[in-house]
Amino acid sequence: MSLTTGELDHHLGSAVQKADDAVETFLEDHTGTINASGVFVPDPTGTLILSTSDSLELQHLMGEQNIAAQTSTSTIKSVKDAIMSSARNI
């Protein structure tokens, strides 16, 4: 069985998309306003409202997003370089 560059791109792209979706969902879930009673009300036109633990969770999610993107980029570059090297040797 061989792995094609298209399959590699698909799997790595899926990992990046999953990380992007996690950050986007988190941001959407924490965007809103505080009503007169001091209760958070989700509102897509509101502001990002985070507690200290929310901020740490967002940092964690963004770190995972960064790792997924960097891993994908470096893996694809390594595969491309290996293909180019093999092509030169033919």
PDB file of N, CA and C in Angstrom:
ATOM      1  N   MET A   1       0.843  -1.181   0.000  1.00  0.00           N
ATOM      2  CA  MET A   1       0.000   0.000   0.000  1.00  0.00           C
ATOM      3  C   MET A   1       0.888   1.244   0.000  1.00  0.00           C
ATOM      4  N   SER A   2       0.524   2.209  -0.793  1.00  0.00           N
ATOM      5  CA  SER A   2       1.292   3.449  -0.836  1.00  0.00           C
ATOM      6  C   SER A   2       0.402   4.618  -0.436  1.00  0.00           C
ATOM      7  N   LEU A   3       1.038   5.601   0.100  1.00  0.00           N
ATOM      8  CA  LEU A   3       0.338   6.818   0.521  1.00  0.00           C
ATOM      9  C   LEU A   3       0.605   7.891  -0.518  1.00  0.00           C
ATOM     10  N   THR A   4      -0.445   8.448  -1.062  1.00  0.00           N
ATOM     11  CA  THR A   4      -0.265   9.498  -2.064  1.00  0.00           C
ATOM     12  C   THR A   4      -0.168  10.855  -1.382  1.00  0.00           C
ATOM     13  N   THR A   5       0.385  11.809  -2.112  1.00  0.00           N
ATOM     14  CA  THR A   5       0.482  13.159  -1.547  1.00  0.00           C
ATOM     15  C   THR A   5      -0.911  13.750  -1.336  1.00  0.00           C
ATOM     16  N   GLY A   6      -1.863  13.362  -2.177  1.00  0.00           N
ATOM     17  CA  GLY A   6      -3.243  13.833  -2.000  1.00  0.00           C
ATOM     18  C   GLY A   6      -3.842  13.335  -0.701  1.00  0.00           C
ATOM     19  N   GLU A   7      -3.583  12.055  -0.393  1.00  0.00           N
ATOM     20  CA  GLU A   7      -4.083  11.499   0.870  1.00  0.00           C
ATOM     21  C   GLU A   7      -3.409  12.165   2.057  1.00  0.00           C
ATOM     22  N   LEU A   8      -2.119  12.398   1.935  1.00  0.00           N
ATOM     23  CA  LEU A   8      -1.369  13.067   2.995  1.00  0.00           C
ATOM     24  C   LEU A   8      -1.931  14.466   3.230  1.00  0.00           C
ATOM     25  N   ASP A   9      -2.157  15.177   2.150  1.00  0.00           N
ATOM     26  CA  ASP A   9      -2.727  16.518   2.241  1.00  0.00           C
ATOM     27  C   ASP A   9      -4.105  16.479   2.901  1.00  0.00           C
ATOM     28  N   HIS A  10      -4.899  15.491   2.526  1.00  0.00           N
ATOM     29  CA  HIS A  10      -6.245  15.362   3.106  1.00  0.00           C
ATOM     30  C   HIS A  10      -6.177  15.143   4.615  1.00  0.00           C
ATOM     31  N   HIS A  11      -5.330  14.226   5.052  1.00  0.00           N
ATOM     32  CA  HIS A  11      -5.249  13.915   6.484  1.00  0.00           C
ATOM     33  C   HIS A  11      -4.670  15.075   7.290  1.00  0.00           C
ATOM     34  N   LEU A  12      -3.629  15.692   6.760  1.00  0.00           N
ATOM     35  CA  LEU A  12      -3.042  16.825   7.475  1.00  0.00           C
ATOM     36  C   LEU A  12      -4.000  18.010   7.466  1.00  0.00           C
ATOM     37  N   GLY A  13      -4.665  18.220   6.334  1.00  0.00           N
ATOM     38  CA  GLY A  13      -5.647  19.296   6.250  1.00  0.00           C
ATOM     39  C   GLY A  13      -6.789  19.094   7.223  1.00  0.00           C
ATOM     40  N   SER A  14      -7.188  17.839   7.426  1.00  0.00           N
ATOM     41  CA  SER A  14      -8.253  17.526   8.384  1.00  0.00           C
ATOM     42  C   SER A  14      -7.833  17.883   9.806  1.00  0.00           C
ATOM     43  N   ALA A  15      -6.578  17.602  10.138  1.00  0.00           N
ATOM     44  CA  ALA A  15      -6.084  17.926  11.480  1.00  0.00           C
ATOM     45  C   ALA A  15      -6.068  19.437  11.702  1.00  0.00           C
ATOM     46  N   VAL A  16      -5.632  20.181  10.700  1.00  0.00           N
ATOM     47  CA  VAL A  16      -5.602  21.641  10.810  1.00  0.00           C
ATOM     48  C   VAL A  16      -7.028  22.177  10.910  1.00  0.00           C
ATOM     49  N   GLN A  17      -7.927  21.644  10.081  1.00  0.00           N
ATOM     50  CA  GLN A  17      -9.320  22.106  10.104  1.00  0.00           C
ATOM     51  C   GLN A  17      -9.975  21.826  11.454  1.00  0.00           C
ATOM     52  N   LYS A  18      -9.679  20.664  12.030  1.00  0.00           N
ATOM     53  CA  LYS A  18     -10.234  20.318  13.343  1.00  0.00           C
ATOM     54  C   LYS A  18      -9.757  21.314  14.401  1.00  0.00           C
ATOM     55  N   ALA A  19      -8.475  21.655  14.357  1.00  0.00           N
ATOM     56  CA  ALA A  19      -7.925  22.626  15.316  1.00  0.00           C
ATOM     57  C   ALA A  19      -8.529  24.009  15.089  1.00  0.00           C
ATOM     58  N   ASP A  20      -8.672  24.402  13.825  1.00  0.00           N
ATOM     59  CA  ASP A  20      -9.290  25.692  13.505  1.00  0.00           C
ATOM     60  C   ASP A  20     -10.735  25.744  14.006  1.00  0.00           C
ATOM     61  N   ASP A  21     -11.464  24.651  13.784  1.00  0.00           N
ATOM     62  CA  ASP A  21     -12.862  24.590  14.217  1.00  0.00           C
ATOM     63  C   ASP A  21     -12.989  24.689  15.735  1.00  0.00           C
ATOM     64  N   ALA A  22     -12.054  24.064  16.456  1.00  0.00           N
ATOM     65  CA  ALA A  22     -12.097  24.115  17.918  1.00  0.00           C
ATOM     66  C   ALA A  22     -11.921  25.549  18.417  1.00  0.00           C
ATOM     67  N   VAL A  23     -10.984  26.285  17.821  1.00  0.00           N
ATOM     68  CA  VAL A  23     -10.766  27.680  18.212  1.00  0.00           C
ATOM     69  C   VAL A  23     -11.989  28.520  17.844  1.00  0.00           C
ATOM     70  N   GLU A  24     -12.505  28.322  16.647  1.00  0.00           N
ATOM     71  CA  GLU A  24     -13.667  29.098  16.198  1.00  0.00           C
ATOM     72  C   GLU A  24     -14.878  28.854  17.093  1.00  0.00           C
ATOM     73  N   THR A  25     -15.129  27.606  17.428  1.00  0.00           N
ATOM     74  CA  THR A  25     -16.262  27.270  18.302  1.00  0.00           C
ATOM     75  C   THR A  25     -16.085  27.904  19.679  1.00  0.00           C
ATOM     76  N   PHE A  26     -14.880  27.825  20.213  1.00  0.00           N
ATOM     77  CA  PHE A  26     -14.604  28.422  21.517  1.00  0.00           C
ATOM     78  C   PHE A  26     -14.891  29.922  21.484  1.00  0.00           C
ATOM     79  N   LEU A  27     -14.401  30.592  20.446  1.00  0.00           N
ATOM     80  CA  LEU A  27     -14.615  32.038  20.338  1.00  0.00           C
ATOM     81  C   LEU A  27     -16.100  32.371  20.214  1.00  0.00           C
ATOM     82  N   GLU A  28     -16.809  31.597  19.416  1.00  0.00           N
ATOM     83  CA  GLU A  28     -18.257  31.828  19.268  1.00  0.00           C
ATOM     84  C   GLU A  28     -18.986  31.619  20.595  1.00  0.00           C
ATOM     85  N   ASP A  29     -18.579  30.570  21.327  1.00  0.00           N
ATOM     86  CA  ASP A  29     -19.234  30.257  22.602  1.00  0.00           C
ATOM     87  C   ASP A  29     -18.968  31.295  23.684  1.00  0.00           C
ATOM     88  N   HIS A  30     -17.911  32.066  23.533  1.00  0.00           N
ATOM     89  CA  HIS A  30     -17.541  33.046  24.556  1.00  0.00           C
ATOM     90  C   HIS A  30     -17.724  34.494  24.095  1.00  0.00           C
ATOM     91  N   THR A  31     -18.452  34.668  23.006  1.00  0.00           N
ATOM     92  CA  THR A  31     -18.733  36.010  22.507  1.00  0.00           C
ATOM     93  C   THR A  31     -20.158  36.374  22.896  1.00  0.00           C
ATOM     94  N   GLY A  32     -20.311  37.515  23.537  1.00  0.00           N
ATOM     95  CA  GLY A  32     -21.640  37.931  23.964  1.00  0.00           C
ATOM     96  C   GLY A  32     -21.596  39.209  24.774  1.00  0.00           C
ATOM     97  N   THR A  33     -22.585  39.326  25.622  1.00  0.00           N
ATOM     98  CA  THR A  33     -22.701  40.499  26.496  1.00  0.00           C
ATOM     99  C   THR A  33     -23.042  40.016  27.901  1.00  0.00           C
ATOM    100  N   ILE A  34     -22.939  40.921  28.841  1.00  0.00           N
ATOM    101  CA  ILE A  34     -23.351  40.650  30.220  1.00  0.00           C
ATOM    102  C   ILE A  34     -24.608  41.479  30.460  1.00  0.00           C
ATOM    103  N   ASN A  35     -25.697  40.803  30.852  1.00  0.00           N
ATOM    104  CA  ASN A  35     -26.947  41.551  31.068  1.00  0.00           C
ATOM    105  C   ASN A  35     -26.927  42.269  32.415  1.00  0.00           C
ATOM    106  N   ALA A  36     -28.002  42.979  32.728  1.00  0.00           N
ATOM    107  CA  ALA A  36     -28.084  43.781  33.953  1.00  0.00           C
ATOM    108  C   ALA A  36     -27.929  42.936  35.212  1.00  0.00           C
ATOM    109  N   SER A  37     -28.256  41.656  35.122  1.00  0.00           N
ATOM    110  CA  SER A  37     -28.125  40.756  36.275  1.00  0.00           C
ATOM    111  C   SER A  37     -26.723  40.168  36.392  1.00  0.00           C
ATOM    112  N   GLY A  38     -25.838  40.531  35.471  1.00  0.00           N
ATOM    113  CA  GLY A  38     -24.475  40.015  35.505  1.00  0.00           C
ATOM    114  C   GLY A  38     -24.332  38.639  34.871  1.00  0.00           C
ATOM    115  N   VAL A  39     -25.319  38.234  34.079  1.00  0.00           N
ATOM    116  CA  VAL A  39     -25.309  36.916  33.449  1.00  0.00           C
ATOM    117  C   VAL A  39     -24.837  37.045  31.999  1.00  0.00           C
ATOM    118  N   PHE A  40     -23.972  36.135  31.592  1.00  0.00           N
ATOM    119  CA  PHE A  40     -23.490  36.115  30.216  1.00  0.00           C
ATOM    120  C   PHE A  40     -24.626  35.743  29.268  1.00  0.00           C
ATOM    121  N   VAL A  41     -24.753  36.506  28.195  1.00  0.00           N
ATOM    122  CA  VAL A  41     -25.763  36.246  27.169  1.00  0.00           C
ATOM    123  C   VAL A  41     -25.035  36.122  25.834  1.00  0.00           C
ATOM    124  N   PRO A  42     -25.085  34.927  25.206  1.00  0.00           N
ATOM    125  CA  PRO A  42     -24.424  34.779  23.901  1.00  0.00           C
ATOM    126  C   PRO A  42     -24.972  35.780  22.893  1.00  0.00           C
ATOM    127  N   ASP A  43     -24.074  36.423  22.143  1.00  0.00           N
ATOM    128  CA  ASP A  43     -24.465  37.403  21.138  1.00  0.00           C
ATOM    129  C   ASP A  43     -23.311  37.512  20.142  1.00  0.00           C
ATOM    130  N   PRO A  44     -23.539  37.077  18.896  1.00  0.00           N
ATOM    131  CA  PRO A  44     -22.448  37.101  17.916  1.00  0.00           C
ATOM    132  C   PRO A  44     -21.905  38.501  17.627  1.00  0.00           C
ATOM    133  N   THR A  45     -22.644  39.542  17.977  1.00  0.00           N
ATOM    134  CA  THR A  45     -22.154  40.899  17.771  1.00  0.00           C
ATOM    135  C   THR A  45     -21.540  41.477  19.049  1.00  0.00           C
ATOM    136  N   GLY A  46     -21.483  40.657  20.110  1.00  0.00           N
ATOM    137  CA  GLY A  46     -20.929  41.103  21.385  1.00  0.00           C
ATOM    138  C   GLY A  46     -19.412  41.065  21.378  1.00  0.00           C
ATOM    139  N   THR A  47     -18.853  41.044  22.570  1.00  0.00           N
ATOM    140  CA  THR A  47     -17.402  41.001  22.722  1.00  0.00           C
ATOM    141  C   THR A  47     -16.981  39.660  23.280  1.00  0.00           C
ATOM    142  N   LEU A  48     -15.706  39.375  23.179  1.00  0.00           N
ATOM    143  CA  LEU A  48     -15.154  38.138  23.727  1.00  0.00           C
ATOM    144  C   LEU A  48     -15.027  38.314  25.237  1.00  0.00           C
ATOM    145  N   ILE A  49     -15.688  37.441  25.976  1.00  0.00           N
ATOM    146  CA  ILE A  49     -15.683  37.532  27.438  1.00  0.00           C
ATOM    147  C   ILE A  49     -15.073  36.244  27.990  1.00  0.00           C
ATOM    148  N   LEU A  50     -13.933  36.387  28.684  1.00  0.00           N
ATOM    149  CA  LEU A  50     -13.199  35.219  29.165  1.00  0.00           C
ATOM    150  C   LEU A  50     -12.854  35.350  30.639  1.00  0.00           C
ATOM    151  N   SER A  51     -12.994  34.233  31.342  1.00  0.00           N
ATOM    152  CA  SER A  51     -12.459  34.149  32.700  1.00  0.00           C
ATOM    153  C   SER A  51     -10.982  33.779  32.573  1.00  0.00           C
ATOM    154  N   THR A  52     -10.291  33.716  33.679  1.00  0.00           N
ATOM    155  CA  THR A  52      -8.883  33.327  33.644  1.00  0.00           C
ATOM    156  C   THR A  52      -8.729  31.922  33.092  1.00  0.00           C
ATOM    157  N   SER A  53      -9.577  30.998  33.529  1.00  0.00           N
ATOM    158  CA  SER A  53      -9.476  29.621  33.034  1.00  0.00           C
ATOM    159  C   SER A  53      -9.867  29.543  31.560  1.00  0.00           C
ATOM    160  N   ASP A  54     -10.828  30.374  31.138  1.00  0.00           N
ATOM    161  CA  ASP A  54     -11.192  30.423  29.719  1.00  0.00           C
ATOM    162  C   ASP A  54     -10.003  30.889  28.885  1.00  0.00           C
ATOM    163  N   SER A  55      -9.292  31.886  29.385  1.00  0.00           N
ATOM    164  CA  SER A  55      -8.126  32.407  28.683  1.00  0.00           C
ATOM    165  C   SER A  55      -7.060  31.329  28.526  1.00  0.00           C
ATOM    166  N   LEU A  56      -6.843  30.553  29.581  1.00  0.00           N
ATOM    167  CA  LEU A  56      -5.867  29.457  29.507  1.00  0.00           C
ATOM    168  C   LEU A  56      -6.315  28.390  28.525  1.00  0.00           C
ATOM    169  N   GLU A  57      -7.607  28.091  28.515  1.00  0.00           N
ATOM    170  CA  GLU A  57      -8.130  27.103  27.574  1.00  0.00           C
ATOM    171  C   GLU A  57      -7.955  27.595  26.139  1.00  0.00           C
ATOM    172  N   LEU A  58      -8.220  28.871  25.895  1.00  0.00           N
ATOM    173  CA  LEU A  58      -8.038  29.429  24.557  1.00  0.00           C
ATOM    174  C   LEU A  58      -6.570  29.358  24.145  1.00  0.00           C
ATOM    175  N   GLN A  59      -5.672  29.672  25.061  1.00  0.00           N
ATOM    176  CA  GLN A  59      -4.239  29.571  24.756  1.00  0.00           C
ATOM    177  C   GLN A  59      -3.871  28.138  24.384  1.00  0.00           C
ATOM    178  N   HIS A  60      -4.426  27.184  25.098  1.00  0.00           N
ATOM    179  CA  HIS A  60      -4.173  25.766  24.821  1.00  0.00           C
ATOM    180  C   HIS A  60      -4.679  25.395  23.423  1.00  0.00           C
ATOM    181  N   LEU A  61      -5.900  25.804  23.104  1.00  0.00           N
ATOM    182  CA  LEU A  61      -6.473  25.500  21.793  1.00  0.00           C
ATOM    183  C   LEU A  61      -5.661  26.146  20.673  1.00  0.00           C
ATOM    184  N   MET A  62      -5.223  27.372  20.892  1.00  0.00           N
ATOM    185  CA  MET A  62      -4.433  28.058  19.874  1.00  0.00           C
ATOM    186  C   MET A  62      -3.047  27.420  19.732  1.00  0.00           C
ATOM    187  N   GLY A  63      -2.515  26.895  20.829  1.00  0.00           N
ATOM    188  CA  GLY A  63      -1.252  26.158  20.761  1.00  0.00           C
ATOM    189  C   GLY A  63      -1.405  24.897  19.926  1.00  0.00           C
ATOM    190  N   GLU A  64      -2.504  24.171  20.131  1.00  0.00           N
ATOM    191  CA  GLU A  64      -2.776  22.972  19.336  1.00  0.00           C
ATOM    192  C   GLU A  64      -2.951  23.332  17.865  1.00  0.00           C
ATOM    193  N   GLN A  65      -3.614  24.455  17.618  1.00  0.00           N
ATOM    194  CA  GLN A  65      -3.819  24.925  16.243  1.00  0.00           C
ATOM    195  C   GLN A  65      -2.468  25.215  15.588  1.00  0.00           C
ATOM    196  N   ASN A  66      -1.591  25.872  16.310  1.00  0.00           N
ATOM    197  CA  ASN A  66      -0.265  26.212  15.811  1.00  0.00           C
ATOM    198  C   ASN A  66       0.548  24.954  15.522  1.00  0.00           C
ATOM    199  N   ILE A  67       0.511  24.000  16.438  1.00  0.00           N
ATOM    200  CA  ILE A  67       1.253  22.744  16.253  1.00  0.00           C
ATOM    201  C   ILE A  67       0.733  21.997  15.030  1.00  0.00           C
ATOM    202  N   ALA A  68      -0.589  21.934  14.872  1.00  0.00           N
ATOM    203  CA  ALA A  68      -1.166  21.238  13.715  1.00  0.00           C
ATOM    204  C   ALA A  68      -0.712  21.891  12.412  1.00  0.00           C
ATOM    205  N   ALA A  69      -0.738  23.216  12.367  1.00  0.00           N
ATOM    206  CA  ALA A  69      -0.343  23.921  11.141  1.00  0.00           C
ATOM    207  C   ALA A  69       1.147  23.737  10.857  1.00  0.00           C
ATOM    208  N   GLN A  70       1.986  23.871  11.878  1.00  0.00           N
ATOM    209  CA  GLN A  70       3.429  23.730  11.674  1.00  0.00           C
ATOM    210  C   GLN A  70       3.795  22.302  11.289  1.00  0.00           C
ATOM    211  N   THR A  71       3.161  21.325  11.930  1.00  0.00           N
ATOM    212  CA  THR A  71       3.441  19.925  11.611  1.00  0.00           C
ATOM    213  C   THR A  71       3.044  19.621  10.176  1.00  0.00           C
ATOM    214  N   SER A  72       1.878  20.098   9.778  1.00  0.00           N
ATOM    215  CA  SER A  72       1.413  19.872   8.410  1.00  0.00           C
ATOM    216  C   SER A  72       2.364  20.507   7.407  1.00  0.00           C
ATOM    217  N   THR A  73       2.741  21.746   7.666  1.00  0.00           N
ATOM    218  CA  THR A  73       3.625  22.463   6.743  1.00  0.00           C
ATOM    219  C   THR A  73       4.973  21.770   6.625  1.00  0.00           C
ATOM    220  N   SER A  74       5.570  21.396   7.748  1.00  0.00           N
ATOM    221  CA  SER A  74       6.896  20.774   7.697  1.00  0.00           C
ATOM    222  C   SER A  74       6.829  19.377   7.078  1.00  0.00           C
ATOM    223  N   THR A  75       5.756  18.645   7.340  1.00  0.00           N
ATOM    224  CA  THR A  75       5.616  17.307   6.754  1.00  0.00           C
ATOM    225  C   THR A  75       5.469  17.395   5.242  1.00  0.00           C
ATOM    226  N   ILE A  76       4.607  18.290   4.783  1.00  0.00           N
ATOM    227  CA  ILE A  76       4.412  18.444   3.339  1.00  0.00           C
ATOM    228  C   ILE A  76       5.700  18.911   2.671  1.00  0.00           C
ATOM    229  N   LYS A  77       6.428  19.826   3.313  1.00  0.00           N
ATOM    230  CA  LYS A  77       7.698  20.295   2.752  1.00  0.00           C
ATOM    231  C   LYS A  77       8.696  19.152   2.677  1.00  0.00           C
ATOM    232  N   SER A  78       8.764  18.312   3.694  1.00  0.00           N
ATOM    233  CA  SER A  78       9.693  17.177   3.689  1.00  0.00           C
ATOM    234  C   SER A  78       9.362  16.195   2.576  1.00  0.00           C
ATOM    235  N   VAL A  79       8.076  15.924   2.395  1.00  0.00           N
ATOM    236  CA  VAL A  79       7.659  15.017   1.319  1.00  0.00           C
ATOM    237  C   VAL A  79       8.002  15.614  -0.035  1.00  0.00           C
ATOM    238  N   LYS A  80       7.727  16.896  -0.206  1.00  0.00           N
ATOM    239  CA  LYS A  80       8.046  17.583  -1.467  1.00  0.00           C
ATOM    240  C   LYS A  80       9.544  17.512  -1.742  1.00  0.00           C
ATOM    241  N   ASP A  81      10.361  17.780  -0.732  1.00  0.00           N
ATOM    242  CA  ASP A  81      11.812  17.733  -0.899  1.00  0.00           C
ATOM    243  C   ASP A  81      12.276  16.325  -1.259  1.00  0.00           C
ATOM    244  N   ALA A  82      11.683  15.309  -0.643  1.00  0.00           N
ATOM    245  CA  ALA A  82      12.053  13.926  -0.942  1.00  0.00           C
ATOM    246  C   ALA A  82      11.681  13.564  -2.378  1.00  0.00           C
ATOM    247  N   ILE A  83      10.518  14.028  -2.827  1.00  0.00           N
ATOM    248  CA  ILE A  83      10.086  13.753  -4.203  1.00  0.00           C
ATOM    249  C   ILE A  83      11.026  14.448  -5.185  1.00  0.00           C
ATOM    250  N   MET A  84      11.366  15.695  -4.905  1.00  0.00           N
ATOM    251  CA  MET A  84      12.266  16.442  -5.789  1.00  0.00           C
ATOM    252  C   MET A  84      13.644  15.781  -5.844  1.00  0.00           C
ATOM    253  N   SER A  85      14.119  15.316  -4.713  1.00  0.00           N
ATOM    254  CA  SER A  85      15.421  14.646  -4.673  1.00  0.00           C
ATOM    255  C   SER A  85      15.385  13.345  -5.471  1.00  0.00           C
ATOM    256  N   SER A  86      14.296  12.610  -5.313  1.00  0.00           N
ATOM    257  CA  SER A  86      14.162  11.349  -6.067  1.00  0.00           C
ATOM    258  C   SER A  86      14.080  11.620  -7.562  1.00  0.00           C
ATOM    259  N   ALA A  87      13.363  12.673  -7.929  1.00  0.00           N
ATOM    260  CA  ALA A  87      13.236  13.007  -9.355  1.00  0.00           C
ATOM    261  C   ALA A  87      14.588  13.382  -9.952  1.00  0.00           C
ATOM    262  N   ARG A  88      15.429  14.069  -9.204  1.00  0.00           N
ATOM    263  CA  ARG A  88      16.757  14.440  -9.705  1.00  0.00           C
ATOM    264  C   ARG A  88      17.633  13.213  -9.909  1.00  0.00           C
ATOM    265  N   ASN A  89      17.395  12.171  -9.108  1.00  0.00           N
ATOM    266  CA  ASN A  89      18.227  10.951  -9.176  1.00  0.00           C
ATOM    267  C   ASN A  89      17.787   9.996 -10.275  1.00  0.00           C
ATOM    268  N   ILE A  90      16.702  10.320 -10.923  1.00  0.00           N
ATOM    269  CA  ILE A  90      16.204   9.411 -11.977  1.00  0.00           C
ATOM    270  C   ILE A  90      16.922   9.690 -13.274  1.00  0.00           C
TER     271      ILE A  90
END
